[in-house]
Amino acid sequence: MSGARTIKHLVLVTLVALGIGFASMPEVTLADRPQRAAQDQSAAEPRIIGGTVVPQGKYPFIVFLIFQNAAGKRWACSGSIVESDTVVTAAHCTIGAVAATALVNNANRDDLTAGKTYGVSWVYTHPWYNPMNPAFGNDVGLVRLSEPVPDITPIKLLPINSVRFQADDTPLVAAGWGRVSNEVYTTSRQLMEVTVPVVEKESCRSTFGIDPFAISAMVCAGANETGVCNGDSGGPLFQKVGLSYMLIGITSFGTARGCGSPGYPDVFGRVSAPSIHSFITMGPAALEAVIAMDPMNMSVSQMERLRGPKMPKMRPHRP
């Protein structure tokens, strides 16, 4: 690999009351991203490249999210319903948010008659997420909807510590409303999906300079000219199992060289990693207990060491 490494994503711990009407949200493009996000994520941003349009109702658990910070800046991400009132997304999407809105079961975000808009009660970012170093991991955030979503089956979480569906070349599905071309900076109005192969972890770790401890909480996937891009941040990496869907990863970051660049897979937070799985299912208070019980997980001292200097040229997949 030549030149500096590249990545894209962002984060912060925020627990606040939210509520903003979807109708008041303008079209979200890269220009709408908060300035801080543009600085911290200068190297990593995912979108769907080489994918296909998702028809209405195929993946009703995938949610279009719009966040707003205290300065009034807005940005969009994707997320997945894991409980009737809870959406999982990326930490670099939730960080800095003081308001949010969720558009549920609407593959075409211009057609507001197809789904329903929900307010958000609170947003929380994984306390171990480090926006200055995307390669550190724990890029996961939670969004609590103002009311439960009826008649939609949440996506299932891969069990804690499971390595199922993570063998090299395993085909998985990634989806989101991100950019569909490196030349076009506006995000997609239509939900897109793409099938991507899992990439061997050591190769991915070397490509992005990810710490050996941190890579264990990540899944890398993507092939030449296919993958996620800006605006797909927080979206699911998943697989169909029988009549259900299993959440395997959360869209996190990719190379700043361009989405779908040869030799550069996309990186997803590994849902079955103890620090991520416990945060989703039990909340932040469970994290210390998980570390104490699981000697294979990162220790606090290791995690503090990984909170090192900002990685160069890394971009999150948030627009």
C-alpha atoms as a PDB file:
ATOM      1  CA  MET A   1       0.000   0.000   0.000  1.00  0.00           C
ATOM      2  CA  SER A   2       1.420   3.378  -0.927  1.00  0.00           C
ATOM      3  CA  GLY A   3       0.701   6.748   0.602  1.00  0.00           C
ATOM      4  CA  ALA A   4      -1.122   7.568   3.819  1.00  0.00           C
ATOM      5  CA  ARG A   5      -3.974   5.411   5.004  1.00  0.00           C
ATOM      6  CA  THR A   6      -7.555   6.550   4.564  1.00  0.00           C
ATOM      7  CA  ILE A   7     -10.748   6.081   6.577  1.00  0.00           C
ATOM      8  CA  LYS A   8     -14.145   7.761   7.276  1.00  0.00           C
ATOM      9  CA  HIS A   9     -16.465   7.967  10.368  1.00  0.00           C
ATOM     10  CA  LEU A  10     -17.132   9.901  13.662  1.00  0.00           C
ATOM     11  CA  VAL A  11     -18.543   9.873  17.297  1.00  0.00           C
ATOM     12  CA  LEU A  12     -19.520  11.248  20.782  1.00  0.00           C
ATOM     13  CA  VAL A  13     -21.522  10.218  23.849  1.00  0.00           C
ATOM     14  CA  THR A  14     -24.873  12.016  23.792  1.00  0.00           C
ATOM     15  CA  LEU A  15     -28.041  11.292  25.760  1.00  0.00           C
ATOM     16  CA  VAL A  16     -30.618  13.962  25.074  1.00  0.00           C
ATOM     17  CA  ALA A  17     -34.312  14.505  24.479  1.00  0.00           C
ATOM     18  CA  LEU A  18     -35.008  14.772  20.761  1.00  0.00           C
ATOM     19  CA  GLY A  19     -37.814  15.735  18.423  1.00  0.00           C
ATOM     20  CA  ILE A  20     -37.819  17.348  15.012  1.00  0.00           C
ATOM     21  CA  GLY A  21     -40.268  17.090  12.130  1.00  0.00           C
ATOM     22  CA  PHE A  22     -39.129  15.282   9.008  1.00  0.00           C
ATOM     23  CA  ALA A  23     -40.838  17.836   6.828  1.00  0.00           C
ATOM     24  CA  SER A  24     -38.463  20.511   8.110  1.00  0.00           C
ATOM     25  CA  MET A  25     -35.424  18.532   6.983  1.00  0.00           C
ATOM     26  CA  PRO A  26     -33.957  19.562   3.630  1.00  0.00           C
ATOM     27  CA  GLU A  27     -32.296  17.205   1.154  1.00  0.00           C
ATOM     28  CA  VAL A  28     -29.091  15.961   2.732  1.00  0.00           C
ATOM     29  CA  THR A  29     -25.875  16.034   0.696  1.00  0.00           C
ATOM     30  CA  LEU A  30     -22.212  16.025   1.608  1.00  0.00           C
ATOM     31  CA  ALA A  31     -22.385  19.790   2.053  1.00  0.00           C
ATOM     32  CA  ASP A  32     -24.899  19.339   4.869  1.00  0.00           C
ATOM     33  CA  ARG A  33     -22.494  17.377   7.024  1.00  0.00           C
ATOM     34  CA  PRO A  34     -21.389  19.181  10.208  1.00  0.00           C
ATOM     35  CA  GLN A  35     -18.036  20.918   9.912  1.00  0.00           C
ATOM     36  CA  ARG A  36     -16.628  18.783  12.690  1.00  0.00           C
ATOM     37  CA  ALA A  37     -17.683  15.682  10.829  1.00  0.00           C
ATOM     38  CA  ALA A  38     -16.011  16.937   7.696  1.00  0.00           C
ATOM     39  CA  GLN A  39     -12.796  17.419   9.628  1.00  0.00           C
ATOM     40  CA  ASP A  40     -12.798  14.240  11.682  1.00  0.00           C
ATOM     41  CA  GLN A  41     -13.980  12.050   8.810  1.00  0.00           C
ATOM     42  CA  SER A  42     -11.839  13.444   6.046  1.00  0.00           C
ATOM     43  CA  ALA A  43     -10.901   9.928   5.026  1.00  0.00           C
ATOM     44  CA  ALA A  44     -13.886   7.610   5.502  1.00  0.00           C
ATOM     45  CA  GLU A  45     -17.397   7.733   4.036  1.00  0.00           C
ATOM     46  CA  PRO A  46     -19.580   4.809   2.708  1.00  0.00           C
ATOM     47  CA  ARG A  47     -22.321   4.502   0.030  1.00  0.00           C
ATOM     48  CA  ILE A  48     -23.703   1.732  -2.170  1.00  0.00           C
ATOM     49  CA  ILE A  49     -21.563   1.243  -5.276  1.00  0.00           C
ATOM     50  CA  GLY A  50     -22.445  -1.331  -7.912  1.00  0.00           C
ATOM     51  CA  GLY A  51     -25.754  -2.151  -6.262  1.00  0.00           C
ATOM     52  CA  THR A  52     -29.428  -2.404  -7.171  1.00  0.00           C
ATOM     53  CA  VAL A  53     -32.621  -0.630  -6.116  1.00  0.00           C
ATOM     54  CA  VAL A  54     -34.508  -2.157  -3.173  1.00  0.00           C
ATOM     55  CA  PRO A  55     -38.259  -2.421  -3.790  1.00  0.00           C
ATOM     56  CA  GLN A  56     -40.658  -1.036  -1.179  1.00  0.00           C
ATOM     57  CA  GLY A  57     -41.227  -3.457   1.689  1.00  0.00           C
ATOM     58  CA  LYS A  58     -38.304  -5.817   1.016  1.00  0.00           C
ATOM     59  CA  TYR A  59     -36.266  -4.689   4.058  1.00  0.00           C
ATOM     60  CA  PRO A  60     -38.711  -2.792   6.307  1.00  0.00           C
ATOM     61  CA  PHE A  61     -36.263  -2.947   9.243  1.00  0.00           C
ATOM     62  CA  ILE A  62     -33.859  -0.525   7.508  1.00  0.00           C
ATOM     63  CA  VAL A  63     -34.404   3.071   8.649  1.00  0.00           C
ATOM     64  CA  PHE A  64     -33.467   6.420   7.121  1.00  0.00           C
ATOM     65  CA  LEU A  65     -32.185   8.721   9.890  1.00  0.00           C
ATOM     66  CA  ILE A  66     -31.681  12.489   9.899  1.00  0.00           C
ATOM     67  CA  PHE A  67     -29.656  14.019  12.728  1.00  0.00           C
ATOM     68  CA  GLN A  68     -29.126  17.639  13.742  1.00  0.00           C
ATOM     69  CA  ASN A  69     -26.475  19.213  15.963  1.00  0.00           C
ATOM     70  CA  ALA A  70     -26.705  22.248  18.232  1.00  0.00           C
ATOM     71  CA  ALA A  71     -25.570  24.541  15.418  1.00  0.00           C
ATOM     72  CA  GLY A  72     -28.432  23.425  13.195  1.00  0.00           C
ATOM     73  CA  LYS A  73     -26.301  21.302  10.841  1.00  0.00           C
ATOM     74  CA  ARG A  74     -28.038  18.179   9.549  1.00  0.00           C
ATOM     75  CA  TRP A  75     -26.773  14.893   8.177  1.00  0.00           C
ATOM     76  CA  ALA A  76     -28.290  11.566   7.158  1.00  0.00           C
ATOM     77  CA  CYS A  77     -27.425   7.961   7.990  1.00  0.00           C
ATOM     78  CA  SER A  78     -29.000   4.543   7.806  1.00  0.00           C
ATOM     79  CA  GLY A  79     -29.939   2.276  10.687  1.00  0.00           C
ATOM     80  CA  SER A  80     -31.606  -1.024  11.589  1.00  0.00           C
ATOM     81  CA  ILE A  81     -34.583  -1.711  13.840  1.00  0.00           C
ATOM     82  CA  VAL A  82     -33.421  -4.224  16.476  1.00  0.00           C
ATOM     83  CA  GLU A  83     -36.339  -3.714  18.879  1.00  0.00           C
ATOM     84  CA  SER A  84     -39.762  -2.234  18.192  1.00  0.00           C
ATOM     85  CA  ASP A  85     -38.562   1.160  19.471  1.00  0.00           C
ATOM     86  CA  THR A  86     -34.782   0.901  19.049  1.00  0.00           C
ATOM     87  CA  VAL A  87     -32.590   1.544  16.011  1.00  0.00           C
ATOM     88  CA  VAL A  88     -28.908   0.634  15.759  1.00  0.00           C
ATOM     89  CA  THR A  89     -26.666   2.887  13.674  1.00  0.00           C
ATOM     90  CA  ALA A  90     -23.037   4.069  13.688  1.00  0.00           C
ATOM     91  CA  ALA A  91     -21.467   6.105  16.475  1.00  0.00           C
ATOM     92  CA  HIS A  92     -20.090   8.592  13.965  1.00  0.00           C
ATOM     93  CA  CYS A  93     -23.720   9.251  13.010  1.00  0.00           C
ATOM     94  CA  THR A  94     -25.031   9.839  16.528  1.00  0.00           C
ATOM     95  CA  ILE A  95     -22.091  11.809  17.846  1.00  0.00           C
ATOM     96  CA  GLY A  96     -22.973  15.462  18.335  1.00  0.00           C
ATOM     97  CA  ALA A  97     -26.684  14.980  17.609  1.00  0.00           C
ATOM     98  CA  VAL A  98     -29.206  16.926  19.682  1.00  0.00           C
ATOM     99  CA  ALA A  99     -32.221  16.100  17.520  1.00  0.00           C
ATOM    100  CA  ALA A 100     -33.203  13.365  15.107  1.00  0.00           C
ATOM    101  CA  THR A 101     -35.997  11.960  12.954  1.00  0.00           C
ATOM    102  CA  ALA A 102     -36.509   8.440  11.595  1.00  0.00           C
ATOM    103  CA  LEU A 103     -38.270   7.490   8.366  1.00  0.00           C
ATOM    104  CA  VAL A 104     -39.411   3.871   8.716  1.00  0.00           C
ATOM    105  CA  ASN A 105     -40.366   1.374   6.000  1.00  0.00           C
ATOM    106  CA  ASN A 106     -39.892   3.758   3.119  1.00  0.00           C
ATOM    107  CA  ALA A 107     -37.495   2.563   0.434  1.00  0.00           C
ATOM    108  CA  ASN A 108     -38.014   5.773  -1.551  1.00  0.00           C
ATOM    109  CA  ARG A 109     -37.468   8.644   0.876  1.00  0.00           C
ATOM    110  CA  ASP A 110     -39.265  11.081  -1.432  1.00  0.00           C
ATOM    111  CA  ASP A 111     -42.508   9.105  -1.181  1.00  0.00           C
ATOM    112  CA  LEU A 112     -43.707   9.927   2.336  1.00  0.00           C
ATOM    113  CA  THR A 113     -46.963   8.011   1.775  1.00  0.00           C
ATOM    114  CA  ALA A 114     -45.145   4.664   1.790  1.00  0.00           C
ATOM    115  CA  GLY A 115     -43.800   4.761   5.337  1.00  0.00           C
ATOM    116  CA  LYS A 116     -44.062   6.669   8.602  1.00  0.00           C
ATOM    117  CA  THR A 117     -41.953   9.340  10.233  1.00  0.00           C
ATOM    118  CA  TYR A 118     -41.045   8.877  13.904  1.00  0.00           C
ATOM    119  CA  GLY A 119     -39.678  11.299  16.425  1.00  0.00           C
ATOM    120  CA  VAL A 120     -36.699  10.282  18.552  1.00  0.00           C
ATOM    121  CA  SER A 121     -36.650  10.251  22.364  1.00  0.00           C
ATOM    122  CA  TRP A 122     -32.922   9.925  22.806  1.00  0.00           C
ATOM    123  CA  VAL A 123     -29.636   9.103  21.112  1.00  0.00           C
ATOM    124  CA  TYR A 124     -26.653   7.415  22.712  1.00  0.00           C
ATOM    125  CA  THR A 125     -23.142   6.859  21.364  1.00  0.00           C
ATOM    126  CA  HIS A 126     -20.855   4.025  22.454  1.00  0.00           C
ATOM    127  CA  PRO A 127     -18.689   5.531  25.224  1.00  0.00           C
ATOM    128  CA  TRP A 128     -15.567   3.845  23.834  1.00  0.00           C
ATOM    129  CA  TYR A 129     -15.910   5.267  20.367  1.00  0.00           C
ATOM    130  CA  ASN A 130     -13.060   7.600  19.435  1.00  0.00           C
ATOM    131  CA  PRO A 131     -13.886  10.070  16.617  1.00  0.00           C
ATOM    132  CA  MET A 132     -10.201  10.966  16.306  1.00  0.00           C
ATOM    133  CA  ASN A 133      -9.285   7.377  15.441  1.00  0.00           C
ATOM    134  CA  PRO A 134     -11.921   5.505  13.398  1.00  0.00           C
ATOM    135  CA  ALA A 135      -9.704   2.410  13.315  1.00  0.00           C
ATOM    136  CA  PHE A 136     -10.226   2.022  17.057  1.00  0.00           C
ATOM    137  CA  GLY A 137     -13.707   0.593  16.514  1.00  0.00           C
ATOM    138  CA  ASN A 138     -16.859   0.512  18.661  1.00  0.00           C
ATOM    139  CA  ASP A 139     -18.569   2.559  15.955  1.00  0.00           C
ATOM    140  CA  VAL A 140     -22.113   1.952  17.180  1.00  0.00           C
ATOM    141  CA  GLY A 141     -24.913   4.205  18.394  1.00  0.00           C
ATOM    142  CA  LEU A 142     -28.485   3.685  19.540  1.00  0.00           C
ATOM    143  CA  VAL A 143     -31.603   5.675  18.662  1.00  0.00           C
ATOM    144  CA  ARG A 144     -34.762   5.300  20.770  1.00  0.00           C
ATOM    145  CA  LEU A 145     -37.920   6.083  18.804  1.00  0.00           C
ATOM    146  CA  SER A 146     -40.704   8.123  20.383  1.00  0.00           C
ATOM    147  CA  GLU A 147     -43.076   5.169  20.008  1.00  0.00           C
ATOM    148  CA  PRO A 148     -42.836   1.485  19.042  1.00  0.00           C
ATOM    149  CA  VAL A 149     -43.019   0.573  15.364  1.00  0.00           C
ATOM    150  CA  PRO A 150     -45.913  -1.843  14.774  1.00  0.00           C
ATOM    151  CA  ASP A 151     -46.023  -4.677  12.247  1.00  0.00           C
ATOM    152  CA  ILE A 152     -42.310  -4.713  11.435  1.00  0.00           C
ATOM    153  CA  THR A 153     -40.123  -7.627  12.476  1.00  0.00           C
ATOM    154  CA  PRO A 154     -36.792  -6.326  13.852  1.00  0.00           C
ATOM    155  CA  ILE A 155     -33.610  -7.704  12.375  1.00  0.00           C
ATOM    156  CA  LYS A 156     -31.959 -10.290  14.634  1.00  0.00           C
ATOM    157  CA  LEU A 157     -28.538  -9.780  16.162  1.00  0.00           C
ATOM    158  CA  LEU A 158     -25.815 -12.310  15.519  1.00  0.00           C
ATOM    159  CA  PRO A 159     -25.184 -13.955  18.945  1.00  0.00           C
ATOM    160  CA  ILE A 160     -22.336 -12.612  21.042  1.00  0.00           C
ATOM    161  CA  ASN A 161     -18.907 -13.981  20.054  1.00  0.00           C
ATOM    162  CA  SER A 162     -20.364 -15.750  17.016  1.00  0.00           C
ATOM    163  CA  VAL A 163     -18.166 -15.914  13.913  1.00  0.00           C
ATOM    164  CA  ARG A 164     -20.943 -17.190  11.686  1.00  0.00           C
ATOM    165  CA  PHE A 165     -21.059 -15.641   8.205  1.00  0.00           C
ATOM    166  CA  GLN A 166     -17.575 -14.176   8.697  1.00  0.00           C
ATOM    167  CA  ALA A 167     -15.442 -16.673   6.773  1.00  0.00           C
ATOM    168  CA  ASP A 168     -13.462 -15.281   3.837  1.00  0.00           C
ATOM    169  CA  ASP A 169     -15.513 -14.714   0.669  1.00  0.00           C
ATOM    170  CA  THR A 170     -18.870 -15.250   2.431  1.00  0.00           C
ATOM    171  CA  PRO A 171     -21.444 -13.185   0.496  1.00  0.00           C
ATOM    172  CA  LEU A 172     -23.292 -10.637   2.642  1.00  0.00           C
ATOM    173  CA  VAL A 173     -25.718  -7.819   1.848  1.00  0.00           C
ATOM    174  CA  ALA A 174     -25.084  -4.138   2.598  1.00  0.00           C
ATOM    175  CA  ALA A 175     -27.778  -1.490   2.150  1.00  0.00           C
ATOM    176  CA  GLY A 176     -28.323   2.244   2.514  1.00  0.00           C
ATOM    177  CA  TRP A 177     -29.228   5.561   0.903  1.00  0.00           C
ATOM    178  CA  GLY A 178     -25.670   6.649   0.213  1.00  0.00           C
ATOM    179  CA  ARG A 179     -23.942   7.832  -2.926  1.00  0.00           C
ATOM    180  CA  VAL A 180     -23.957   5.488  -5.925  1.00  0.00           C
ATOM    181  CA  SER A 181     -20.991   6.994  -7.745  1.00  0.00           C
ATOM    182  CA  ASN A 182     -17.693   8.674  -6.893  1.00  0.00           C
ATOM    183  CA  GLU A 183     -18.570  11.382  -9.399  1.00  0.00           C
ATOM    184  CA  VAL A 184     -21.994  12.259  -7.942  1.00  0.00           C
ATOM    185  CA  TYR A 185     -21.947  13.796  -4.447  1.00  0.00           C
ATOM    186  CA  THR A 186     -25.652  13.701  -3.705  1.00  0.00           C
ATOM    187  CA  THR A 187     -26.993  10.674  -1.861  1.00  0.00           C
ATOM    188  CA  SER A 188     -29.539   8.255  -3.291  1.00  0.00           C
ATOM    189  CA  ARG A 189     -33.249   8.959  -2.938  1.00  0.00           C
ATOM    190  CA  GLN A 190     -33.879   5.218  -3.184  1.00  0.00           C
ATOM    191  CA  LEU A 191     -32.692   2.490  -0.818  1.00  0.00           C
ATOM    192  CA  MET A 192     -29.942   0.469  -2.520  1.00  0.00           C
ATOM    193  CA  GLU A 193     -28.402  -2.922  -1.782  1.00  0.00           C
ATOM    194  CA  VAL A 194     -25.258  -4.717  -2.863  1.00  0.00           C
ATOM    195  CA  THR A 195     -23.830  -8.176  -2.219  1.00  0.00           C
ATOM    196  CA  VAL A 196     -20.225  -8.049  -1.002  1.00  0.00           C
ATOM    197  CA  PRO A 197     -17.744 -10.810  -0.047  1.00  0.00           C
ATOM    198  CA  VAL A 198     -16.116 -10.953   3.377  1.00  0.00           C
ATOM    199  CA  VAL A 199     -12.416 -10.025   3.219  1.00  0.00           C
ATOM    200  CA  GLU A 200      -9.729 -11.749   5.294  1.00  0.00           C
ATOM    201  CA  LYS A 201      -9.117  -9.746   8.482  1.00  0.00           C
ATOM    202  CA  GLU A 202      -5.336  -9.654   8.448  1.00  0.00           C
ATOM    203  CA  SER A 203      -5.316  -8.240   4.930  1.00  0.00           C
ATOM    204  CA  CYS A 204      -7.899  -5.619   5.957  1.00  0.00           C
ATOM    205  CA  ARG A 205      -6.000  -4.779   9.136  1.00  0.00           C
ATOM    206  CA  SER A 206      -2.797  -4.228   7.182  1.00  0.00           C
ATOM    207  CA  THR A 207      -4.543  -2.097   4.552  1.00  0.00           C
ATOM    208  CA  PHE A 208      -5.939   0.369   7.083  1.00  0.00           C
ATOM    209  CA  GLY A 209      -3.337   0.047   9.834  1.00  0.00           C
ATOM    210  CA  ILE A 210      -5.918  -1.207  12.325  1.00  0.00           C
ATOM    211  CA  ASP A 211      -4.694  -2.364  15.729  1.00  0.00           C
ATOM    212  CA  PRO A 212      -4.707  -6.193  16.129  1.00  0.00           C
ATOM    213  CA  PHE A 213      -7.056  -5.896  19.124  1.00  0.00           C
ATOM    214  CA  ALA A 214      -9.475  -3.574  17.359  1.00  0.00           C
ATOM    215  CA  ILE A 215      -9.796  -5.680  14.200  1.00  0.00           C
ATOM    216  CA  SER A 216     -11.438  -8.448  16.240  1.00  0.00           C
ATOM    217  CA  ALA A 217     -14.482  -6.189  16.623  1.00  0.00           C
ATOM    218  CA  MET A 218     -14.745  -5.498  12.892  1.00  0.00           C
ATOM    219  CA  VAL A 219     -15.857  -7.235   9.708  1.00  0.00           C
ATOM    220  CA  CYS A 220     -14.331  -6.257   6.377  1.00  0.00           C
ATOM    221  CA  ALA A 221     -16.228  -6.782   3.135  1.00  0.00           C
ATOM    222  CA  GLY A 222     -16.319  -5.507  -0.411  1.00  0.00           C
ATOM    223  CA  ALA A 223     -14.858  -6.152  -3.820  1.00  0.00           C
ATOM    224  CA  ASN A 224     -13.550  -4.033  -6.670  1.00  0.00           C
ATOM    225  CA  GLU A 225     -16.152  -1.464  -7.735  1.00  0.00           C
ATOM    226  CA  THR A 226     -18.769  -2.688  -5.266  1.00  0.00           C
ATOM    227  CA  GLY A 227     -19.453  -1.686  -1.672  1.00  0.00           C
ATOM    228  CA  VAL A 228     -20.798   1.067   0.541  1.00  0.00           C
ATOM    229  CA  CYS A 229     -20.155   4.792   0.282  1.00  0.00           C
ATOM    230  CA  ASN A 230     -20.909   8.244   1.750  1.00  0.00           C
ATOM    231  CA  GLY A 231     -24.376   8.261   3.255  1.00  0.00           C
ATOM    232  CA  ASP A 232     -24.547   4.522   3.950  1.00  0.00           C
ATOM    233  CA  SER A 233     -23.047   4.974   7.424  1.00  0.00           C
ATOM    234  CA  GLY A 234     -24.822   3.032  10.148  1.00  0.00           C
ATOM    235  CA  GLY A 235     -26.581   0.784   7.669  1.00  0.00           C
ATOM    236  CA  PRO A 236     -26.683  -2.996   8.013  1.00  0.00           C
ATOM    237  CA  LEU A 237     -24.402  -5.733   6.757  1.00  0.00           C
ATOM    238  CA  PHE A 238     -26.657  -8.750   6.950  1.00  0.00           C
ATOM    239  CA  GLN A 239     -27.714 -12.170   5.698  1.00  0.00           C
ATOM    240  CA  LYS A 240     -31.032 -13.897   5.266  1.00  0.00           C
ATOM    241  CA  VAL A 241     -31.506 -16.914   7.520  1.00  0.00           C
ATOM    242  CA  GLY A 242     -34.680 -18.816   6.754  1.00  0.00           C
ATOM    243  CA  LEU A 243     -37.508 -16.281   6.877  1.00  0.00           C
ATOM    244  CA  SER A 244     -35.525 -13.858   9.050  1.00  0.00           C
ATOM    245  CA  TYR A 245     -32.561 -11.537   8.623  1.00  0.00           C
ATOM    246  CA  MET A 246     -29.405 -11.556  10.759  1.00  0.00           C
ATOM    247  CA  LEU A 247     -27.433  -8.368  11.478  1.00  0.00           C
ATOM    248  CA  ILE A 248     -23.711  -9.073  11.174  1.00  0.00           C
ATOM    249  CA  GLY A 249     -22.160  -5.633  10.815  1.00  0.00           C
ATOM    250  CA  ILE A 250     -22.768  -1.869  10.993  1.00  0.00           C
ATOM    251  CA  THR A 251     -21.360   0.280   8.177  1.00  0.00           C
ATOM    252  CA  SER A 252     -18.390   2.188   9.578  1.00  0.00           C
ATOM    253  CA  PHE A 253     -15.596   3.382   7.269  1.00  0.00           C
ATOM    254  CA  GLY A 254     -13.724   2.910   4.016  1.00  0.00           C
ATOM    255  CA  THR A 255     -10.870   4.378   2.047  1.00  0.00           C
ATOM    256  CA  ALA A 256     -10.725   8.044   1.046  1.00  0.00           C
ATOM    257  CA  ARG A 257      -9.335   6.933  -2.298  1.00  0.00           C
ATOM    258  CA  GLY A 258     -12.894   6.491  -3.491  1.00  0.00           C
ATOM    259  CA  CYS A 259     -15.715   4.044  -2.877  1.00  0.00           C
ATOM    260  CA  GLY A 260     -15.187   0.651  -4.458  1.00  0.00           C
ATOM    261  CA  SER A 261     -11.442   1.264  -4.909  1.00  0.00           C
ATOM    262  CA  PRO A 262      -9.522  -1.910  -5.873  1.00  0.00           C
ATOM    263  CA  GLY A 263      -7.754  -3.475  -2.911  1.00  0.00           C
ATOM    264  CA  TYR A 264      -9.696  -1.475  -0.302  1.00  0.00           C
ATOM    265  CA  PRO A 265     -12.626  -3.217   1.401  1.00  0.00           C
ATOM    266  CA  ASP A 266     -15.174  -1.436   3.566  1.00  0.00           C
ATOM    267  CA  VAL A 267     -15.131  -1.878   7.333  1.00  0.00           C
ATOM    268  CA  PHE A 268     -18.157  -2.663   9.498  1.00  0.00           C
ATOM    269  CA  GLY A 269     -18.571  -2.844  13.264  1.00  0.00           C
ATOM    270  CA  ARG A 270     -18.885  -6.541  14.165  1.00  0.00           C
ATOM    271  CA  VAL A 271     -22.223  -6.967  15.935  1.00  0.00           C
ATOM    272  CA  SER A 272     -21.168 -10.179  17.717  1.00  0.00           C
ATOM    273  CA  ALA A 273     -18.102  -8.501  19.286  1.00  0.00           C
ATOM    274  CA  PRO A 274     -18.688  -8.359  23.080  1.00  0.00           C
ATOM    275  CA  SER A 275     -18.230  -4.588  23.397  1.00  0.00           C
ATOM    276  CA  ILE A 276     -20.705  -3.890  20.581  1.00  0.00           C
ATOM    277  CA  HIS A 277     -23.232  -6.650  21.282  1.00  0.00           C
ATOM    278  CA  SER A 278     -23.434  -5.790  24.986  1.00  0.00           C
ATOM    279  CA  PHE A 279     -23.885  -2.098  24.241  1.00  0.00           C
ATOM    280  CA  ILE A 280     -26.820  -2.877  21.942  1.00  0.00           C
ATOM    281  CA  THR A 281     -28.527  -5.414  24.182  1.00  0.00           C
ATOM    282  CA  MET A 282     -27.739  -4.173  27.691  1.00  0.00           C
ATOM    283  CA  GLY A 283     -26.466  -0.625  27.404  1.00  0.00           C
ATOM    284  CA  PRO A 284     -23.220   1.108  28.454  1.00  0.00           C
ATOM    285  CA  ALA A 285     -23.354  -0.125  32.050  1.00  0.00           C
ATOM    286  CA  ALA A 286     -22.742  -3.669  30.851  1.00  0.00           C
ATOM    287  CA  LEU A 287     -19.449  -2.916  29.114  1.00  0.00           C
ATOM    288  CA  GLU A 288     -17.152  -3.099  32.116  1.00  0.00           C
ATOM    289  CA  ALA A 289     -18.771  -6.349  33.194  1.00  0.00           C
ATOM    290  CA  VAL A 290     -18.214  -7.793  29.744  1.00  0.00           C
ATOM    291  CA  ILE A 291     -14.510  -6.978  29.873  1.00  0.00           C
ATOM    292  CA  ALA A 292     -14.209  -8.502  33.342  1.00  0.00           C
ATOM    293  CA  MET A 293     -15.900 -11.720  32.228  1.00  0.00           C
ATOM    294  CA  ASP A 294     -14.335 -12.081  28.790  1.00  0.00           C
ATOM    295  CA  PRO A 295     -10.514 -12.291  28.784  1.00  0.00           C
ATOM    296  CA  MET A 296     -10.562 -12.389  24.964  1.00  0.00           C
ATOM    297  CA  ASN A 297     -12.064  -8.920  24.809  1.00  0.00           C
ATOM    298  CA  MET A 298      -9.968  -5.755  24.931  1.00  0.00           C
ATOM    299  CA  SER A 299      -8.927  -4.696  28.408  1.00  0.00           C
ATOM    300  CA  VAL A 300      -9.450  -1.140  29.552  1.00  0.00           C
ATOM    301  CA  SER A 301      -5.713  -0.463  29.365  1.00  0.00           C
ATOM    302  CA  GLN A 302      -5.561  -1.770  25.800  1.00  0.00           C
ATOM    303  CA  MET A 303      -8.478   0.392  24.829  1.00  0.00           C
ATOM    304  CA  GLU A 304      -6.878   3.452  26.404  1.00  0.00           C
ATOM    305  CA  ARG A 305      -3.738   2.723  24.390  1.00  0.00           C
ATOM    306  CA  LEU A 306      -5.768   2.554  21.203  1.00  0.00           C
ATOM    307  CA  ARG A 307      -7.187   6.016  21.857  1.00  0.00           C
ATOM    308  CA  GLY A 308      -4.043   7.298  20.210  1.00  0.00           C
ATOM    309  CA  PRO A 309      -3.471  10.056  17.643  1.00  0.00           C
ATOM    310  CA  LYS A 310      -5.853  10.594  14.784  1.00  0.00           C
ATOM    311  CA  MET A 311      -5.373   8.210  11.879  1.00  0.00           C
ATOM    312  CA  PRO A 312      -4.539  10.051   8.628  1.00  0.00           C
ATOM    313  CA  LYS A 313      -6.798  10.037   5.568  1.00  0.00           C
ATOM    314  CA  MET A 314      -9.599   7.937   7.016  1.00  0.00           C
ATOM    315  CA  ARG A 315     -13.212   8.721   6.166  1.00  0.00           C
ATOM    316  CA  PRO A 316     -16.478   7.493   7.715  1.00  0.00           C
ATOM    317  CA  HIS A 317     -19.402   6.565   5.474  1.00  0.00           C
ATOM    318  CA  ARG A 318     -21.521   9.476   6.623  1.00  0.00           C
ATOM    319  CA  PRO A 319     -22.367  12.132   4.011  1.00  0.00           C
END
